[in-house]
Protein backbone atom coordinates (compact mmCIF):
# COMPACT_ATOMS: atom_id res chain seq x y z
CA UNK A 1 0.08 -0.02 0.07
CA UNK A 2 1.42 3.43 -0.93
CA UNK A 3 1.73 5.93 1.77
CA UNK A 4 2.71 9.63 1.41
CA UNK A 5 3.80 11.81 4.38
CA UNK A 6 3.90 15.50 4.06
CA UNK A 7 6.17 17.78 6.38
CA UNK A 8 7.58 21.24 6.28
CA UNK A 9 4.20 23.42 6.96
CA UNK A 10 4.27 26.21 9.41
CA UNK A 11 3.43 29.90 10.09
CA UNK A 12 5.33 32.57 8.27
CA UNK A 13 4.98 36.09 7.54
CA UNK A 14 3.99 37.34 4.09
CA UNK A 15 7.05 37.50 1.74
CA UNK A 16 8.71 34.41 3.65
CA UNK A 17 9.48 30.96 2.35
CA UNK A 18 8.70 27.42 3.18
CA UNK A 19 9.87 24.07 1.73
CA UNK A 20 7.27 21.25 1.91
CA UNK A 21 8.60 17.58 1.76
CA UNK A 22 6.56 14.35 0.98
CA UNK A 23 8.14 11.07 1.40
CA UNK A 24 6.74 8.05 -0.49
CA UNK A 25 6.67 4.70 0.84
CA UNK A 26 5.31 1.08 -0.15
CA UNK A 27 3.94 0.58 -3.51
CA UNK A 28 0.64 -0.02 -5.54
CA UNK A 29 -0.14 -2.26 -8.43
CA UNK A 30 0.27 -1.26 -10.94
CA UNK A 31 2.67 1.45 -11.86
CA UNK A 32 4.47 2.62 -8.87
CA UNK A 33 8.17 1.91 -9.03
CA UNK A 34 8.06 2.63 -12.84
CA UNK A 35 10.18 5.32 -13.91
CA UNK A 36 7.17 7.51 -15.08
CA UNK A 37 4.29 8.49 -12.92
CA UNK A 38 2.94 11.96 -11.76
CA UNK A 39 3.17 13.62 -8.54
CA UNK A 40 1.53 16.75 -7.37
CA UNK A 41 0.78 19.20 -4.54
CA UNK A 42 -2.80 20.50 -3.94
CA UNK A 43 -4.11 22.98 -1.35
CA UNK A 44 -7.41 23.55 0.14
CA UNK A 45 -8.42 26.59 2.42
CA UNK A 46 -11.28 26.60 4.78
CA UNK A 47 -14.61 27.18 2.70
CA UNK A 48 -12.75 26.71 -0.67
CA UNK A 49 -12.36 24.00 -3.01
CA UNK A 50 -9.23 21.99 -3.36
CA UNK A 51 -6.92 23.63 -5.85
CA UNK A 52 -4.04 21.80 -7.78
CA UNK A 53 -0.81 23.83 -7.30
CA UNK A 54 1.90 21.95 -9.04
CA UNK A 55 2.58 18.80 -10.68
CA UNK A 56 5.69 16.90 -11.86
CA UNK A 57 5.89 13.99 -14.34
CA UNK A 58 8.56 11.84 -12.69
CA UNK A 59 11.16 10.78 -15.30
CA UNK A 60 10.87 13.34 -17.97
CA UNK A 61 10.48 16.21 -15.10
CA UNK A 62 7.91 17.89 -16.82
CA UNK A 63 6.28 20.45 -14.68
CA UNK A 64 2.97 22.29 -14.20
CA UNK A 65 1.90 25.28 -12.02
CA UNK A 66 -1.18 26.99 -11.11
CA UNK A 67 -1.38 30.74 -12.27
CA UNK A 68 -1.61 31.64 -8.78
CA UNK A 69 1.82 30.31 -7.72
CA UNK A 70 3.61 30.52 -11.06
CA UNK A 71 7.02 32.10 -10.73
CA UNK A 72 6.93 31.68 -6.67
CA UNK A 73 6.82 27.87 -6.15
CA UNK A 74 8.99 25.25 -7.47
CA UNK A 75 8.31 21.52 -7.43
CA UNK A 76 11.00 18.91 -7.57
CA UNK A 77 11.58 15.30 -6.84
CA UNK A 78 14.50 13.39 -5.62
CA UNK A 79 14.28 10.01 -6.80
CA UNK A 80 16.99 8.49 -4.52
CA UNK A 81 15.12 9.72 -1.55
CA UNK A 82 11.77 9.06 -2.95
CA UNK A 83 10.77 12.51 -1.85
CA UNK A 84 8.67 15.33 -3.47
CA UNK A 85 9.41 18.92 -2.74
CA UNK A 86 7.66 22.35 -3.08
CA UNK A 87 9.59 25.26 -2.48
CA UNK A 88 7.39 28.33 -1.58
CA UNK A 89 8.98 31.79 -1.94
CA UNK A 90 7.29 35.13 -1.63
CA UNK A 91 4.29 33.68 0.25
CA UNK A 92 1.15 35.53 0.49
CA UNK A 93 -1.74 35.39 3.00
CA UNK A 94 -3.87 33.91 0.22
CA UNK A 95 -1.42 30.85 0.21
CA UNK A 96 -2.76 29.84 3.52
CA UNK A 97 -4.29 26.24 3.29
CA UNK A 98 -3.78 22.57 4.09
CA UNK A 99 -1.19 21.35 1.50
CA UNK A 100 -1.47 17.78 0.37
CA UNK A 101 0.84 15.73 -1.88
CA UNK A 102 -0.63 13.01 -4.27
CA UNK A 103 0.60 10.55 -6.81
CA UNK A 104 -0.87 8.24 -9.48
CA UNK A 105 0.19 6.39 -12.61
CA UNK A 106 -1.29 8.27 -15.46
CA UNK A 107 -0.07 9.10 -18.85
CA UNK A 108 1.63 12.38 -19.20
CA UNK A 109 -1.21 14.23 -20.76
CA UNK A 110 -3.14 13.68 -17.46
CA UNK A 111 -0.42 15.16 -15.39
CA UNK A 112 -1.02 18.67 -15.14
CA UNK A 113 -3.84 20.89 -14.54
CA UNK A 114 -6.51 18.12 -14.79
CA UNK A 115 -4.56 15.88 -12.52
CA UNK A 116 -6.94 13.72 -10.56
CA UNK A 117 -4.89 11.23 -8.30
CA UNK A 118 -6.06 8.37 -5.89
CA UNK A 119 -3.34 8.22 -3.60
CA UNK A 120 -2.93 11.15 -1.04
CA UNK A 121 -1.15 12.17 1.99
CA UNK A 122 -2.50 13.46 5.36
CA UNK A 123 -1.55 17.21 4.56
CA UNK A 124 0.52 19.77 6.13
CA UNK A 125 -0.71 23.24 7.37
CA UNK A 126 0.82 26.38 5.86
CA UNK A 127 -0.29 29.60 7.33
CA UNK A 128 0.72 33.04 6.04
CA UNK A 129 0.13 36.06 8.00
CA UNK A 130 0.13 39.60 6.57
């Protein structure tokens, strides 16, 4: 059973930075452990719908960013450590949310704005004060 565990959330002032991590363990059948699969970060603020933040297609390293974070956030993956990262700079109060990592074995065309994964972590809270 695939498990994802996020960490790195916290409280920062506007303009600050945080780096989220998501460690994957276990496996699911089929797909995980293949060289190419999709991982992503999502967020959900109270009273709002879940929003896709960024995705990366492991292998080619193709990335996608929501317009709201483009130029401020960077998604990356360390294959050896089986860890997904989200570097968040120039944080704004509107970035306040619970952040989740997720993964699924989907074709590259499904890794991006419409990514709808089946495997989720428990989330880590990010709070940005003005």
